[in-house]
Amino acid sequence: MRNRADLPLSTLLNEVSRDGFAFAAADRMQPLLTAAGELSDWSAFADSWNHLEPDPYLAAKGRFRRRRHATFSATAQGGVRPEAHQAHFQALQYNALQGDIERWFAPIEASVVAGASMRRVLDFCREFFGTLAPGVPRWHIEVHQFRIEATRDAAGEPTPEGSHRDGVDYVLVLLIDRHNIASGTTTIHAPDGRLLGDFTLTHPLDAALIHDPSVFHGVTPVRPLVADEPAFRDVLVVTFRASS
């Protein structure tokens, strides 16, 4: 049997095209990310999750997570470039909990935006999603750093809105780190609610790739393994939406 790390990029593209999603373990994902350059600042990149700001919109509802946000654009022929900081907006049909409002989050730090790891992730997404949708001339890209924290008294909720779509074309969820947590299982559902697949992002660079119009996705709550020690799940979420 072939090692999954040896499977070609075309196999991963076929999985997303056929099923609407794919799980790529770290040993498969890392060579794809580093095919055109190294993740030379990975330590600093991962450490930046220790400097995220509280999400004020969830804190007001008795839920807690930390996050930062940035916006980029890309063209089919050109590279990815950062755009001015702006609000994150989702229609109510995609986010019943916080839809139809402009949410302003702390910006991703400039050094992280310009760093090698962020650039490699975004370049990979542009190439991968662009191959799946070659007719799209321009992409609107949003990037979210999330830290979901769990305590003895409260589970951490990676997707407090439940199983959902993001209202975009494609989504990458990349695990950066997880510490002292159980569960956090990604579930993929058909529009009629049928479970299509589930997997847990366990190791740094484990990834989920999703065609958002085809499937719904969610993540089960996380709880501490050791009650009185810090417990968290760090992910990078990248969304691509066709833009005029």
C-alpha atoms as a PDB file:
ATOM      1  CA  MET A   1       0.000   0.000   0.000  1.00  0.00           C
ATOM      2  CA  ARG A   2       1.318   3.447  -0.875  1.00  0.00           C
ATOM      3  CA  ASN A   3       2.130   5.836   1.922  1.00  0.00           C
ATOM      4  CA  ARG A   4      -0.414   8.682   1.895  1.00  0.00           C
ATOM      5  CA  ALA A   5       2.485  11.136   1.999  1.00  0.00           C
ATOM      6  CA  ASP A   6       3.471   9.843  -1.460  1.00  0.00           C
ATOM      7  CA  LEU A   7       0.071  10.454  -3.025  1.00  0.00           C
ATOM      8  CA  PRO A   8       0.181  13.101  -5.771  1.00  0.00           C
ATOM      9  CA  LEU A   9      -1.464  16.485  -5.524  1.00  0.00           C
ATOM     10  CA  SER A  10      -3.966  15.367  -8.156  1.00  0.00           C
ATOM     11  CA  THR A  11      -5.397  12.811  -5.726  1.00  0.00           C
ATOM     12  CA  LEU A  12      -6.120  15.504  -3.152  1.00  0.00           C
ATOM     13  CA  LEU A  13      -7.663  17.708  -5.837  1.00  0.00           C
ATOM     14  CA  ASN A  14      -9.864  14.810  -6.936  1.00  0.00           C
ATOM     15  CA  GLU A  15     -11.037  14.182  -3.376  1.00  0.00           C
ATOM     16  CA  VAL A  16     -12.187  17.784  -2.940  1.00  0.00           C
ATOM     17  CA  SER A  17     -13.773  17.858  -6.396  1.00  0.00           C
ATOM     18  CA  ARG A  18     -15.587  14.528  -5.920  1.00  0.00           C
ATOM     19  CA  ASP A  19     -16.520  14.609  -2.230  1.00  0.00           C
ATOM     20  CA  GLY A  20     -16.529  18.304  -1.388  1.00  0.00           C
ATOM     21  CA  PHE A  21     -13.795  17.837   1.230  1.00  0.00           C
ATOM     22  CA  ALA A  22     -10.502  16.130   1.990  1.00  0.00           C
ATOM     23  CA  PHE A  23      -8.378  15.461   5.052  1.00  0.00           C
ATOM     24  CA  ALA A  24      -4.641  15.885   4.524  1.00  0.00           C
ATOM     25  CA  ALA A  25      -2.435  14.595   7.330  1.00  0.00           C
ATOM     26  CA  ALA A  26       0.712  16.558   8.156  1.00  0.00           C
ATOM     27  CA  ASP A  27       3.011  14.094   6.394  1.00  0.00           C
ATOM     28  CA  ARG A  28       1.014  14.719   3.236  1.00  0.00           C
ATOM     29  CA  MET A  29       0.472  18.437   3.719  1.00  0.00           C
ATOM     30  CA  GLN A  30       3.993  19.570   4.615  1.00  0.00           C
ATOM     31  CA  PRO A  31       5.641  18.598   1.300  1.00  0.00           C
ATOM     32  CA  LEU A  32       2.822  20.339  -0.570  1.00  0.00           C
ATOM     33  CA  LEU A  33       3.335  23.541   1.411  1.00  0.00           C
ATOM     34  CA  THR A  34       7.117  23.472   1.081  1.00  0.00           C
ATOM     35  CA  ALA A  35       7.246  22.524  -2.608  1.00  0.00           C
ATOM     36  CA  ALA A  36       8.216  26.104  -3.535  1.00  0.00           C
ATOM     37  CA  GLY A  37       9.833  27.296  -0.306  1.00  0.00           C
ATOM     38  CA  GLU A  38      10.418  26.445   3.311  1.00  0.00           C
ATOM     39  CA  LEU A  39       8.331  27.372   6.325  1.00  0.00           C
ATOM     40  CA  SER A  40      11.426  29.094   7.639  1.00  0.00           C
ATOM     41  CA  ASP A  41       9.679  31.189  10.304  1.00  0.00           C
ATOM     42  CA  TRP A  42       7.357  28.428  11.552  1.00  0.00           C
ATOM     43  CA  SER A  43       8.371  28.784  15.209  1.00  0.00           C
ATOM     44  CA  ALA A  44       7.566  32.497  15.254  1.00  0.00           C
ATOM     45  CA  PHE A  45       4.436  31.901  13.189  1.00  0.00           C
ATOM     46  CA  ALA A  46       3.092  29.329  15.657  1.00  0.00           C
ATOM     47  CA  ASP A  47       4.122  31.493  18.620  1.00  0.00           C
ATOM     48  CA  SER A  48       1.957  34.347  17.304  1.00  0.00           C
ATOM     49  CA  TRP A  49      -1.107  32.392  18.497  1.00  0.00           C
ATOM     50  CA  ASN A  50       0.053  33.298  22.020  1.00  0.00           C
ATOM     51  CA  HIS A  51      -0.674  36.950  21.184  1.00  0.00           C
ATOM     52  CA  LEU A  52      -4.226  36.796  19.857  1.00  0.00           C
ATOM     53  CA  GLU A  53      -6.945  39.118  21.152  1.00  0.00           C
ATOM     54  CA  PRO A  54     -10.234  38.040  22.761  1.00  0.00           C
ATOM     55  CA  ASP A  55     -13.194  37.712  20.410  1.00  0.00           C
ATOM     56  CA  PRO A  56     -15.526  40.372  21.890  1.00  0.00           C
ATOM     57  CA  TYR A  57     -18.563  39.147  19.958  1.00  0.00           C
ATOM     58  CA  LEU A  58     -18.490  35.680  21.513  1.00  0.00           C
ATOM     59  CA  ALA A  59     -17.417  36.880  24.961  1.00  0.00           C
ATOM     60  CA  ALA A  60     -20.660  38.849  25.172  1.00  0.00           C
ATOM     61  CA  LYS A  61     -22.585  35.579  24.763  1.00  0.00           C
ATOM     62  CA  GLY A  62     -20.748  33.698  27.477  1.00  0.00           C
ATOM     63  CA  ARG A  63     -18.389  31.958  25.040  1.00  0.00           C
ATOM     64  CA  PHE A  64     -14.690  32.639  24.717  1.00  0.00           C
ATOM     65  CA  ARG A  65     -12.046  32.409  22.014  1.00  0.00           C
ATOM     66  CA  ARG A  66      -9.111  34.465  20.786  1.00  0.00           C
ATOM     67  CA  ARG A  67      -8.564  35.489  17.181  1.00  0.00           C
ATOM     68  CA  ARG A  68      -6.996  37.845  14.653  1.00  0.00           C
ATOM     69  CA  HIS A  69      -8.087  38.511  11.075  1.00  0.00           C
ATOM     70  CA  ALA A  70      -6.622  39.733   7.789  1.00  0.00           C
ATOM     71  CA  THR A  71      -7.808  40.175   4.208  1.00  0.00           C
ATOM     72  CA  PHE A  72      -5.908  39.454   0.991  1.00  0.00           C
ATOM     73  CA  SER A  73      -6.614  39.264  -2.721  1.00  0.00           C
ATOM     74  CA  ALA A  74      -5.185  37.248  -5.582  1.00  0.00           C
ATOM     75  CA  THR A  75      -5.575  36.912  -9.324  1.00  0.00           C
ATOM     76  CA  ALA A  76      -5.316  33.787 -11.420  1.00  0.00           C
ATOM     77  CA  GLN A  77      -2.013  34.916 -12.913  1.00  0.00           C
ATOM     78  CA  GLY A  78      -0.593  36.976 -10.049  1.00  0.00           C
ATOM     79  CA  GLY A  79       0.422  36.421  -6.476  1.00  0.00           C
ATOM     80  CA  VAL A  80      -1.385  37.009  -3.219  1.00  0.00           C
ATOM     81  CA  ARG A  81      -1.309  40.528  -1.815  1.00  0.00           C
ATOM     82  CA  PRO A  82      -2.560  41.969   1.500  1.00  0.00           C
ATOM     83  CA  GLU A  83      -5.498  44.350   1.515  1.00  0.00           C
ATOM     84  CA  ALA A  84      -6.467  47.088   3.970  1.00  0.00           C
ATOM     85  CA  HIS A  85      -7.831  45.849   7.277  1.00  0.00           C
ATOM     86  CA  GLN A  86     -11.594  45.430   7.084  1.00  0.00           C
ATOM     87  CA  ALA A  87     -14.567  43.891   8.837  1.00  0.00           C
ATOM     88  CA  HIS A  88     -15.507  40.238   8.616  1.00  0.00           C
ATOM     89  CA  PHE A  89     -19.108  39.827   7.447  1.00  0.00           C
ATOM     90  CA  GLN A  90     -21.297  36.738   7.035  1.00  0.00           C
ATOM     91  CA  ALA A  91     -24.940  36.692   5.999  1.00  0.00           C
ATOM     92  CA  LEU A  92     -27.409  35.396   8.568  1.00  0.00           C
ATOM     93  CA  GLN A  93     -28.114  32.351   6.384  1.00  0.00           C
ATOM     94  CA  TYR A  94     -24.516  31.213   6.929  1.00  0.00           C
ATOM     95  CA  ASN A  95     -24.083  32.242  10.557  1.00  0.00           C
ATOM     96  CA  ALA A  96     -27.280  32.136  12.593  1.00  0.00           C
ATOM     97  CA  LEU A  97     -25.354  33.167  15.710  1.00  0.00           C
ATOM     98  CA  GLN A  98     -23.551  36.256  14.395  1.00  0.00           C
ATOM     99  CA  GLY A  99     -24.787  36.874  10.871  1.00  0.00           C
ATOM    100  CA  ASP A 100     -25.640  40.202   9.214  1.00  0.00           C
ATOM    101  CA  ILE A 101     -23.234  42.224  11.367  1.00  0.00           C
ATOM    102  CA  GLU A 102     -19.821  43.684  10.638  1.00  0.00           C
ATOM    103  CA  ARG A 103     -17.319  42.154  13.023  1.00  0.00           C
ATOM    104  CA  TRP A 104     -14.036  43.974  13.482  1.00  0.00           C
ATOM    105  CA  PHE A 105     -11.257  41.822  14.892  1.00  0.00           C
ATOM    106  CA  ALA A 106      -7.700  42.697  15.812  1.00  0.00           C
ATOM    107  CA  PRO A 107      -5.518  42.548  12.682  1.00  0.00           C
ATOM    108  CA  ILE A 108      -2.984  39.795  12.168  1.00  0.00           C
ATOM    109  CA  GLU A 109       0.423  41.200  13.072  1.00  0.00           C
ATOM    110  CA  ALA A 110       2.357  42.661  10.125  1.00  0.00           C
ATOM    111  CA  SER A 111       5.355  40.388  10.682  1.00  0.00           C
ATOM    112  CA  VAL A 112       3.071  37.331  10.465  1.00  0.00           C
ATOM    113  CA  VAL A 113       1.358  38.597   7.309  1.00  0.00           C
ATOM    114  CA  ALA A 114       4.735  39.118   5.631  1.00  0.00           C
ATOM    115  CA  GLY A 115       6.343  35.946   6.976  1.00  0.00           C
ATOM    116  CA  ALA A 116       7.382  32.898   4.992  1.00  0.00           C
ATOM    117  CA  SER A 117       4.853  30.524   6.562  1.00  0.00           C
ATOM    118  CA  MET A 118       1.845  32.711   5.820  1.00  0.00           C
ATOM    119  CA  ARG A 119       3.039  33.325   2.279  1.00  0.00           C
ATOM    120  CA  ARG A 120       3.540  29.614   1.627  1.00  0.00           C
ATOM    121  CA  VAL A 121       0.092  28.725   2.967  1.00  0.00           C
ATOM    122  CA  LEU A 122      -1.598  31.409   0.867  1.00  0.00           C
ATOM    123  CA  ASP A 123       0.383  30.561  -2.262  1.00  0.00           C
ATOM    124  CA  PHE A 124      -0.558  26.902  -1.858  1.00  0.00           C
ATOM    125  CA  CYS A 125      -4.241  27.840  -1.498  1.00  0.00           C
ATOM    126  CA  ARG A 126      -4.150  30.067  -4.564  1.00  0.00           C
ATOM    127  CA  GLU A 127      -2.627  27.287  -6.639  1.00  0.00           C
ATOM    128  CA  PHE A 128      -4.841  24.534  -5.224  1.00  0.00           C
ATOM    129  CA  PHE A 129      -8.178  26.338  -5.290  1.00  0.00           C
ATOM    130  CA  GLY A 130      -7.276  28.000  -8.592  1.00  0.00           C
ATOM    131  CA  THR A 131      -6.799  24.559 -10.126  1.00  0.00           C
ATOM    132  CA  LEU A 132     -10.246  23.528  -8.902  1.00  0.00           C
ATOM    133  CA  ALA A 133     -11.814  26.749 -10.247  1.00  0.00           C
ATOM    134  CA  PRO A 134      -9.685  27.853 -13.227  1.00  0.00           C
ATOM    135  CA  GLY A 135     -12.369  30.245 -14.478  1.00  0.00           C
ATOM    136  CA  VAL A 136     -12.132  32.542 -11.437  1.00  0.00           C
ATOM    137  CA  PRO A 137     -10.083  35.633 -12.378  1.00  0.00           C
ATOM    138  CA  ARG A 138      -9.839  37.156  -8.900  1.00  0.00           C
ATOM    139  CA  TRP A 139     -10.156  35.923  -5.313  1.00  0.00           C
ATOM    140  CA  HIS A 140     -11.217  37.632  -2.100  1.00  0.00           C
ATOM    141  CA  ILE A 141      -9.263  35.926   0.696  1.00  0.00           C
ATOM    142  CA  GLU A 142      -9.800  36.095   4.424  1.00  0.00           C
ATOM    143  CA  VAL A 143      -7.455  34.636   7.008  1.00  0.00           C
ATOM    144  CA  HIS A 144      -8.367  33.920  10.627  1.00  0.00           C
ATOM    145  CA  GLN A 145      -6.122  32.926  13.513  1.00  0.00           C
ATOM    146  CA  PHE A 146      -8.199  31.102  16.146  1.00  0.00           C
ATOM    147  CA  ARG A 147      -7.375  29.876  19.627  1.00  0.00           C
ATOM    148  CA  ILE A 148     -10.197  27.953  21.298  1.00  0.00           C
ATOM    149  CA  GLU A 149      -9.649  27.613  25.049  1.00  0.00           C
ATOM    150  CA  ALA A 150     -11.277  25.079  27.356  1.00  0.00           C
ATOM    151  CA  THR A 151     -11.511  25.054  31.144  1.00  0.00           C
ATOM    152  CA  ARG A 152     -12.638  22.688  33.854  1.00  0.00           C
ATOM    153  CA  ASP A 153     -16.031  24.423  33.878  1.00  0.00           C
ATOM    154  CA  ALA A 154     -16.563  25.190  30.192  1.00  0.00           C
ATOM    155  CA  ALA A 155     -15.862  23.293  26.984  1.00  0.00           C
ATOM    156  CA  GLY A 156     -14.224  25.197  24.150  1.00  0.00           C
ATOM    157  CA  GLU A 157     -16.453  25.578  21.103  1.00  0.00           C
ATOM    158  CA  PRO A 158     -14.557  25.769  17.796  1.00  0.00           C
ATOM    159  CA  THR A 159     -17.849  26.203  15.899  1.00  0.00           C
ATOM    160  CA  PRO A 160     -20.419  27.677  18.314  1.00  0.00           C
ATOM    161  CA  GLU A 161     -22.763  28.238  15.348  1.00  0.00           C
ATOM    162  CA  GLY A 162     -22.933  24.455  14.828  1.00  0.00           C
ATOM    163  CA  SER A 163     -22.572  22.641  11.521  1.00  0.00           C
ATOM    164  CA  HIS A 164     -22.459  25.380   8.919  1.00  0.00           C
ATOM    165  CA  ARG A 165     -21.177  26.751   5.655  1.00  0.00           C
ATOM    166  CA  ASP A 166     -19.043  29.911   5.519  1.00  0.00           C
ATOM    167  CA  GLY A 167     -20.619  31.464   2.428  1.00  0.00           C
ATOM    168  CA  VAL A 168     -17.411  31.248   0.395  1.00  0.00           C
ATOM    169  CA  ASP A 169     -16.071  28.928  -2.298  1.00  0.00           C
ATOM    170  CA  TYR A 170     -13.210  27.121  -0.564  1.00  0.00           C
ATOM    171  CA  VAL A 171     -11.883  26.732   2.972  1.00  0.00           C
ATOM    172  CA  LEU A 172      -8.581  25.538   4.395  1.00  0.00           C
ATOM    173  CA  VAL A 173      -8.406  24.667   8.083  1.00  0.00           C
ATOM    174  CA  LEU A 174      -4.794  24.113   9.167  1.00  0.00           C
ATOM    175  CA  LEU A 175      -3.893  22.897  12.631  1.00  0.00           C
ATOM    176  CA  ILE A 176      -1.114  24.915  14.260  1.00  0.00           C
ATOM    177  CA  ASP A 177      -1.121  23.316  17.713  1.00  0.00           C
ATOM    178  CA  ARG A 178      -3.320  21.596  20.263  1.00  0.00           C
ATOM    179  CA  HIS A 179      -2.512  21.227  23.944  1.00  0.00           C
ATOM    180  CA  ASN A 180      -4.183  19.238  26.703  1.00  0.00           C
ATOM    181  CA  ILE A 181      -7.499  18.747  24.902  1.00  0.00           C
ATOM    182  CA  ALA A 182      -9.751  15.861  23.988  1.00  0.00           C
ATOM    183  CA  SER A 183     -12.026  15.737  20.928  1.00  0.00           C
ATOM    184  CA  GLY A 184     -12.179  18.646  18.471  1.00  0.00           C
ATOM    185  CA  THR A 185     -13.380  16.283  15.743  1.00  0.00           C
ATOM    186  CA  THR A 186     -14.223  17.816  12.385  1.00  0.00           C
ATOM    187  CA  THR A 187     -17.512  16.576  10.962  1.00  0.00           C
ATOM    188  CA  ILE A 188     -18.630  16.933   7.346  1.00  0.00           C
ATOM    189  CA  HIS A 189     -22.316  16.788   6.464  1.00  0.00           C
ATOM    190  CA  ALA A 190     -24.387  16.785   3.304  1.00  0.00           C
ATOM    191  CA  PRO A 191     -26.937  19.612   2.990  1.00  0.00           C
ATOM    192  CA  ASP A 192     -29.624  17.149   4.148  1.00  0.00           C
ATOM    193  CA  GLY A 193     -27.680  16.489   7.353  1.00  0.00           C
ATOM    194  CA  ARG A 194     -26.169  13.101   6.475  1.00  0.00           C
ATOM    195  CA  LEU A 195     -22.713  12.561   7.946  1.00  0.00           C
ATOM    196  CA  LEU A 196     -20.214  12.255   5.092  1.00  0.00           C
ATOM    197  CA  GLY A 197     -17.014  11.980   7.116  1.00  0.00           C
ATOM    198  CA  ASP A 198     -15.203  12.881  10.301  1.00  0.00           C
ATOM    199  CA  PHE A 199     -11.572  13.246  11.323  1.00  0.00           C
ATOM    200  CA  THR A 200      -9.539  14.945  14.035  1.00  0.00           C
ATOM    201  CA  LEU A 201      -6.754  17.419  13.325  1.00  0.00           C
ATOM    202  CA  THR A 202      -4.130  16.101  15.727  1.00  0.00           C
ATOM    203  CA  HIS A 203      -0.675  17.147  14.536  1.00  0.00           C
ATOM    204  CA  PRO A 204       0.621  20.549  13.382  1.00  0.00           C
ATOM    205  CA  LEU A 205      -0.049  20.904   9.620  1.00  0.00           C
ATOM    206  CA  ASP A 206      -2.946  18.424   9.619  1.00  0.00           C
ATOM    207  CA  ALA A 207      -5.452  20.084   7.302  1.00  0.00           C
ATOM    208  CA  ALA A 208      -9.030  20.049   6.060  1.00  0.00           C
ATOM    209  CA  LEU A 209      -9.806  21.316   2.561  1.00  0.00           C
ATOM    210  CA  ILE A 210     -13.467  22.074   1.884  1.00  0.00           C
ATOM    211  CA  HIS A 211     -15.628  23.094  -1.080  1.00  0.00           C
ATOM    212  CA  ASP A 212     -18.022  25.218   0.924  1.00  0.00           C
ATOM    213  CA  PRO A 213     -21.074  25.197  -1.416  1.00  0.00           C
ATOM    214  CA  SER A 214     -21.122  21.371  -1.400  1.00  0.00           C
ATOM    215  CA  VAL A 215     -20.955  20.464   2.274  1.00  0.00           C
ATOM    216  CA  PHE A 216     -21.496  21.681   5.823  1.00  0.00           C
ATOM    217  CA  HIS A 217     -18.719  21.426   8.406  1.00  0.00           C
ATOM    218  CA  GLY A 218     -18.408  21.702  12.176  1.00  0.00           C
ATOM    219  CA  VAL A 219     -16.057  20.807  15.020  1.00  0.00           C
ATOM    220  CA  THR A 220     -17.040  19.109  18.261  1.00  0.00           C
ATOM    221  CA  PRO A 221     -16.329  20.933  21.562  1.00  0.00           C
ATOM    222  CA  VAL A 222     -12.959  20.398  23.251  1.00  0.00           C
ATOM    223  CA  ARG A 223     -12.387  19.673  26.929  1.00  0.00           C
ATOM    224  CA  PRO A 224      -9.208  19.619  29.022  1.00  0.00           C
ATOM    225  CA  LEU A 225      -7.474  16.308  29.556  1.00  0.00           C
ATOM    226  CA  VAL A 226      -5.996  17.676  32.783  1.00  0.00           C
ATOM    227  CA  ALA A 227      -8.532  19.991  34.392  1.00  0.00           C
ATOM    228  CA  ASP A 228      -6.247  22.622  35.905  1.00  0.00           C
ATOM    229  CA  GLU A 229      -3.735  22.986  33.061  1.00  0.00           C
ATOM    230  CA  PRO A 230      -4.042  25.292  30.018  1.00  0.00           C
ATOM    231  CA  ALA A 231      -6.059  23.650  27.245  1.00  0.00           C
ATOM    232  CA  PHE A 232      -6.380  25.062  23.733  1.00  0.00           C
ATOM    233  CA  ARG A 233      -6.737  24.366  20.004  1.00  0.00           C
ATOM    234  CA  ASP A 234      -4.936  26.684  17.553  1.00  0.00           C
ATOM    235  CA  VAL A 235      -5.950  26.745  13.881  1.00  0.00           C
ATOM    236  CA  LEU A 236      -5.459  28.919  10.827  1.00  0.00           C
ATOM    237  CA  VAL A 237      -8.579  29.228   8.672  1.00  0.00           C
ATOM    238  CA  VAL A 238      -8.251  30.549   5.111  1.00  0.00           C
ATOM    239  CA  THR A 239     -11.292  31.234   2.929  1.00  0.00           C
ATOM    240  CA  PHE A 240     -11.348  31.926  -0.817  1.00  0.00           C
ATOM    241  CA  ARG A 241     -14.341  33.547  -2.514  1.00  0.00           C
ATOM    242  CA  ALA A 242     -14.615  34.481  -6.184  1.00  0.00           C
ATOM    243  CA  SER A 243     -14.511  38.256  -6.537  1.00  0.00           C
ATOM    244  CA  SER A 244     -15.466  40.502  -9.452  1.00  0.00           C
END
